[in-house]
Amino acid sequence: MTVTRLSAATSILSAVAASVLLIGCSASVNVEKPTPKLSADKLATTVAEKLAATTGQPKPHIACPEDLIGKIGNTTRCKLTAGDGSSLGVSVKVSSVDGDQINFDIKADDTASPAAN
């Protein structure tokens, strides 16, 4: 009978030890939110709308080569193409990010490139 008690006592101690180990452990995982981004197409549409609103002119044709990553200071260059084929570079720079909202500044180049022949 002593052997049975010893086995029962050993089992109980093992269970208590395992419980103490489980209770005494903690872990944390830092899951970062993915950096927001604005697709190249949506960026081009937004830039065209903002330029039209600012100048009072019809929406120009804008093409942006890449998505805009929502990190303050990130930049990309878009291209405005006029009806006569001339083009103008447009710089886009992220000024702030609020959650999924990317705020950016737009600056058109001072000089247009003539239409290709």
C-alpha atoms as a PDB file:
ATOM      1  CA  MET A   1       0.000   0.000   0.000  1.00  0.00           C
ATOM      2  CA  THR A   2       2.910   2.308   0.608  1.00  0.00           C
ATOM      3  CA  VAL A   3       3.818   2.059  -3.069  1.00  0.00           C
ATOM      4  CA  THR A   4       0.324   3.241  -4.053  1.00  0.00           C
ATOM      5  CA  ARG A   5       0.508   6.220  -1.708  1.00  0.00           C
ATOM      6  CA  LEU A   6       3.901   7.137  -3.058  1.00  0.00           C
ATOM      7  CA  SER A   7       2.592   6.997  -6.625  1.00  0.00           C
ATOM      8  CA  ALA A   8      -0.444   9.086  -5.677  1.00  0.00           C
ATOM      9  CA  ALA A   9       1.755  11.590  -3.858  1.00  0.00           C
ATOM     10  CA  THR A  10       4.132  11.753  -6.809  1.00  0.00           C
ATOM     11  CA  SER A  11       1.247  12.334  -9.214  1.00  0.00           C
ATOM     12  CA  ILE A  12      -0.185  15.108  -7.052  1.00  0.00           C
ATOM     13  CA  LEU A  13       3.218  16.817  -6.693  1.00  0.00           C
ATOM     14  CA  SER A  14       3.759  16.587 -10.442  1.00  0.00           C
ATOM     15  CA  ALA A  15       0.366  18.171 -11.111  1.00  0.00           C
ATOM     16  CA  VAL A  16       1.033  20.954  -8.591  1.00  0.00           C
ATOM     17  CA  ALA A  17       4.491  21.594 -10.060  1.00  0.00           C
ATOM     18  CA  ALA A  18       3.046  21.756 -13.568  1.00  0.00           C
ATOM     19  CA  SER A  19       0.356  24.173 -12.374  1.00  0.00           C
ATOM     20  CA  VAL A  20       2.958  26.408 -10.728  1.00  0.00           C
ATOM     21  CA  LEU A  21       5.002  26.408 -13.922  1.00  0.00           C
ATOM     22  CA  LEU A  22       1.995  27.301 -16.022  1.00  0.00           C
ATOM     23  CA  ILE A  23       0.813  30.005 -13.657  1.00  0.00           C
ATOM     24  CA  GLY A  24       4.302  31.456 -13.301  1.00  0.00           C
ATOM     25  CA  CYS A  25       4.837  31.808 -17.061  1.00  0.00           C
ATOM     26  CA  SER A  26       3.687  34.698 -19.150  1.00  0.00           C
ATOM     27  CA  ALA A  27       4.262  35.727 -22.700  1.00  0.00           C
ATOM     28  CA  SER A  28       3.412  38.659 -24.864  1.00  0.00           C
ATOM     29  CA  VAL A  29       3.421  39.127 -28.560  1.00  0.00           C
ATOM     30  CA  ASN A  30       3.615  42.535 -30.132  1.00  0.00           C
ATOM     31  CA  VAL A  31       1.591  42.391 -33.311  1.00  0.00           C
ATOM     32  CA  GLU A  32       2.240  45.526 -35.284  1.00  0.00           C
ATOM     33  CA  LYS A  33      -0.409  46.893 -37.552  1.00  0.00           C
ATOM     34  CA  PRO A  34       0.685  46.756 -41.147  1.00  0.00           C
ATOM     35  CA  THR A  35       1.837  50.050 -42.574  1.00  0.00           C
ATOM     36  CA  PRO A  36      -1.037  51.577 -44.534  1.00  0.00           C
ATOM     37  CA  LYS A  37      -0.571  52.173 -48.219  1.00  0.00           C
ATOM     38  CA  LEU A  38      -2.450  53.888 -50.980  1.00  0.00           C
ATOM     39  CA  SER A  39      -2.559  52.101 -54.333  1.00  0.00           C
ATOM     40  CA  ALA A  40      -0.970  53.847 -57.312  1.00  0.00           C
ATOM     41  CA  ASP A  41      -4.378  54.114 -59.023  1.00  0.00           C
ATOM     42  CA  LYS A  42      -6.118  55.608 -55.980  1.00  0.00           C
ATOM     43  CA  LEU A  43      -3.177  57.982 -55.463  1.00  0.00           C
ATOM     44  CA  ALA A  44      -3.402  59.161 -59.099  1.00  0.00           C
ATOM     45  CA  THR A  45      -7.157  59.747 -58.773  1.00  0.00           C
ATOM     46  CA  THR A  46      -6.756  61.658 -55.499  1.00  0.00           C
ATOM     47  CA  VAL A  47      -3.912  63.822 -56.846  1.00  0.00           C
ATOM     48  CA  ALA A  48      -5.955  64.633 -59.981  1.00  0.00           C
ATOM     49  CA  GLU A  49      -8.979  65.599 -57.864  1.00  0.00           C
ATOM     50  CA  LYS A  50      -6.917  67.806 -55.548  1.00  0.00           C
ATOM     51  CA  LEU A  51      -5.155  69.546 -58.439  1.00  0.00           C
ATOM     52  CA  ALA A  52      -8.492  70.166 -60.183  1.00  0.00           C
ATOM     53  CA  ALA A  53     -10.004  71.594 -57.003  1.00  0.00           C
ATOM     54  CA  THR A  54      -6.972  73.828 -56.394  1.00  0.00           C
ATOM     55  CA  THR A  55      -6.686  75.174 -59.952  1.00  0.00           C
ATOM     56  CA  GLY A  56     -10.371  75.270 -60.887  1.00  0.00           C
ATOM     57  CA  GLN A  57      -9.502  73.288 -64.041  1.00  0.00           C
ATOM     58  CA  PRO A  58     -10.827  69.903 -65.201  1.00  0.00           C
ATOM     59  CA  LYS A  59      -9.199  66.824 -63.671  1.00  0.00           C
ATOM     60  CA  PRO A  60      -5.858  66.233 -65.372  1.00  0.00           C
ATOM     61  CA  HIS A  61      -4.569  62.806 -66.380  1.00  0.00           C
ATOM     62  CA  ILE A  62      -2.222  61.622 -63.629  1.00  0.00           C
ATOM     63  CA  ALA A  63      -0.186  58.414 -63.559  1.00  0.00           C
ATOM     64  CA  CYS A  64       1.676  57.233 -60.476  1.00  0.00           C
ATOM     65  CA  PRO A  65       4.209  54.398 -60.861  1.00  0.00           C
ATOM     66  CA  GLU A  66       3.925  52.913 -57.373  1.00  0.00           C
ATOM     67  CA  ASP A  67       1.824  52.650 -54.240  1.00  0.00           C
ATOM     68  CA  LEU A  68       2.368  55.308 -51.589  1.00  0.00           C
ATOM     69  CA  ILE A  69       3.523  53.727 -48.321  1.00  0.00           C
ATOM     70  CA  GLY A  70       2.108  55.528 -45.285  1.00  0.00           C
ATOM     71  CA  LYS A  71       5.298  56.508 -43.485  1.00  0.00           C
ATOM     72  CA  ILE A  72       5.981  60.157 -42.761  1.00  0.00           C
ATOM     73  CA  GLY A  73       8.501  61.524 -45.243  1.00  0.00           C
ATOM     74  CA  ASN A  74       7.963  58.844 -47.928  1.00  0.00           C
ATOM     75  CA  THR A  75       7.765  60.305 -51.408  1.00  0.00           C
ATOM     76  CA  THR A  76       6.823  59.264 -54.907  1.00  0.00           C
ATOM     77  CA  ARG A  77       6.690  60.994 -58.261  1.00  0.00           C
ATOM     78  CA  CYS A  78       3.623  61.056 -60.441  1.00  0.00           C
ATOM     79  CA  LYS A  79       3.249  62.370 -63.957  1.00  0.00           C
ATOM     80  CA  LEU A  80       0.600  64.789 -65.169  1.00  0.00           C
ATOM     81  CA  THR A  81      -0.033  64.604 -68.909  1.00  0.00           C
ATOM     82  CA  ALA A  82      -1.845  67.531 -70.531  1.00  0.00           C
ATOM     83  CA  GLY A  83      -4.169  67.320 -73.506  1.00  0.00           C
ATOM     84  CA  ASP A  84      -1.413  68.570 -75.843  1.00  0.00           C
ATOM     85  CA  GLY A  85       0.911  65.750 -74.757  1.00  0.00           C
ATOM     86  CA  SER A  86       3.175  67.878 -72.578  1.00  0.00           C
ATOM     87  CA  SER A  87       3.897  66.502 -69.137  1.00  0.00           C
ATOM     88  CA  LEU A  88       4.646  67.780 -65.702  1.00  0.00           C
ATOM     89  CA  GLY A  89       6.182  65.974 -62.762  1.00  0.00           C
ATOM     90  CA  VAL A  90       4.250  65.935 -59.505  1.00  0.00           C
ATOM     91  CA  SER A  91       5.926  65.139 -56.177  1.00  0.00           C
ATOM     92  CA  VAL A  92       3.850  63.509 -53.449  1.00  0.00           C
ATOM     93  CA  LYS A  93       5.178  63.429 -49.881  1.00  0.00           C
ATOM     94  CA  VAL A  94       3.535  61.820 -46.841  1.00  0.00           C
ATOM     95  CA  SER A  95       3.022  64.517 -44.212  1.00  0.00           C
ATOM     96  CA  SER A  96       1.195  62.479 -41.549  1.00  0.00           C
ATOM     97  CA  VAL A  97      -0.497  59.155 -40.922  1.00  0.00           C
ATOM     98  CA  ASP A  98      -3.504  58.651 -38.663  1.00  0.00           C
ATOM     99  CA  GLY A  99      -4.454  54.982 -38.500  1.00  0.00           C
ATOM    100  CA  ASP A 100      -5.270  54.028 -42.087  1.00  0.00           C
ATOM    101  CA  GLN A 101      -5.496  57.677 -43.179  1.00  0.00           C
ATOM    102  CA  ILE A 102      -2.457  58.882 -45.166  1.00  0.00           C
ATOM    103  CA  ASN A 103      -2.118  62.648 -45.495  1.00  0.00           C
ATOM    104  CA  PHE A 104       0.227  63.988 -48.139  1.00  0.00           C
ATOM    105  CA  ASP A 105       1.441  67.168 -49.799  1.00  0.00           C
ATOM    106  CA  ILE A 106       1.450  67.632 -53.551  1.00  0.00           C
ATOM    107  CA  LYS A 107       3.883  69.827 -55.464  1.00  0.00           C
ATOM    108  CA  ALA A 108       3.929  70.147 -59.237  1.00  0.00           C
ATOM    109  CA  ASP A 109       7.201  70.947 -60.995  1.00  0.00           C
ATOM    110  CA  ASP A 110       7.640  74.538 -62.192  1.00  0.00           C
ATOM    111  CA  THR A 111       8.415  73.574 -65.796  1.00  0.00           C
ATOM    112  CA  ALA A 112       6.571  71.199 -68.112  1.00  0.00           C
ATOM    113  CA  SER A 113       8.266  68.855 -70.553  1.00  0.00           C
ATOM    114  CA  PRO A 114       7.137  69.353 -74.157  1.00  0.00           C
ATOM    115  CA  ALA A 115       5.134  66.678 -75.943  1.00  0.00           C
ATOM    116  CA  ALA A 116       7.133  63.895 -77.559  1.00  0.00           C
ATOM    117  CA  ASN A 117       7.275  64.130 -81.357  1.00  0.00           C
END
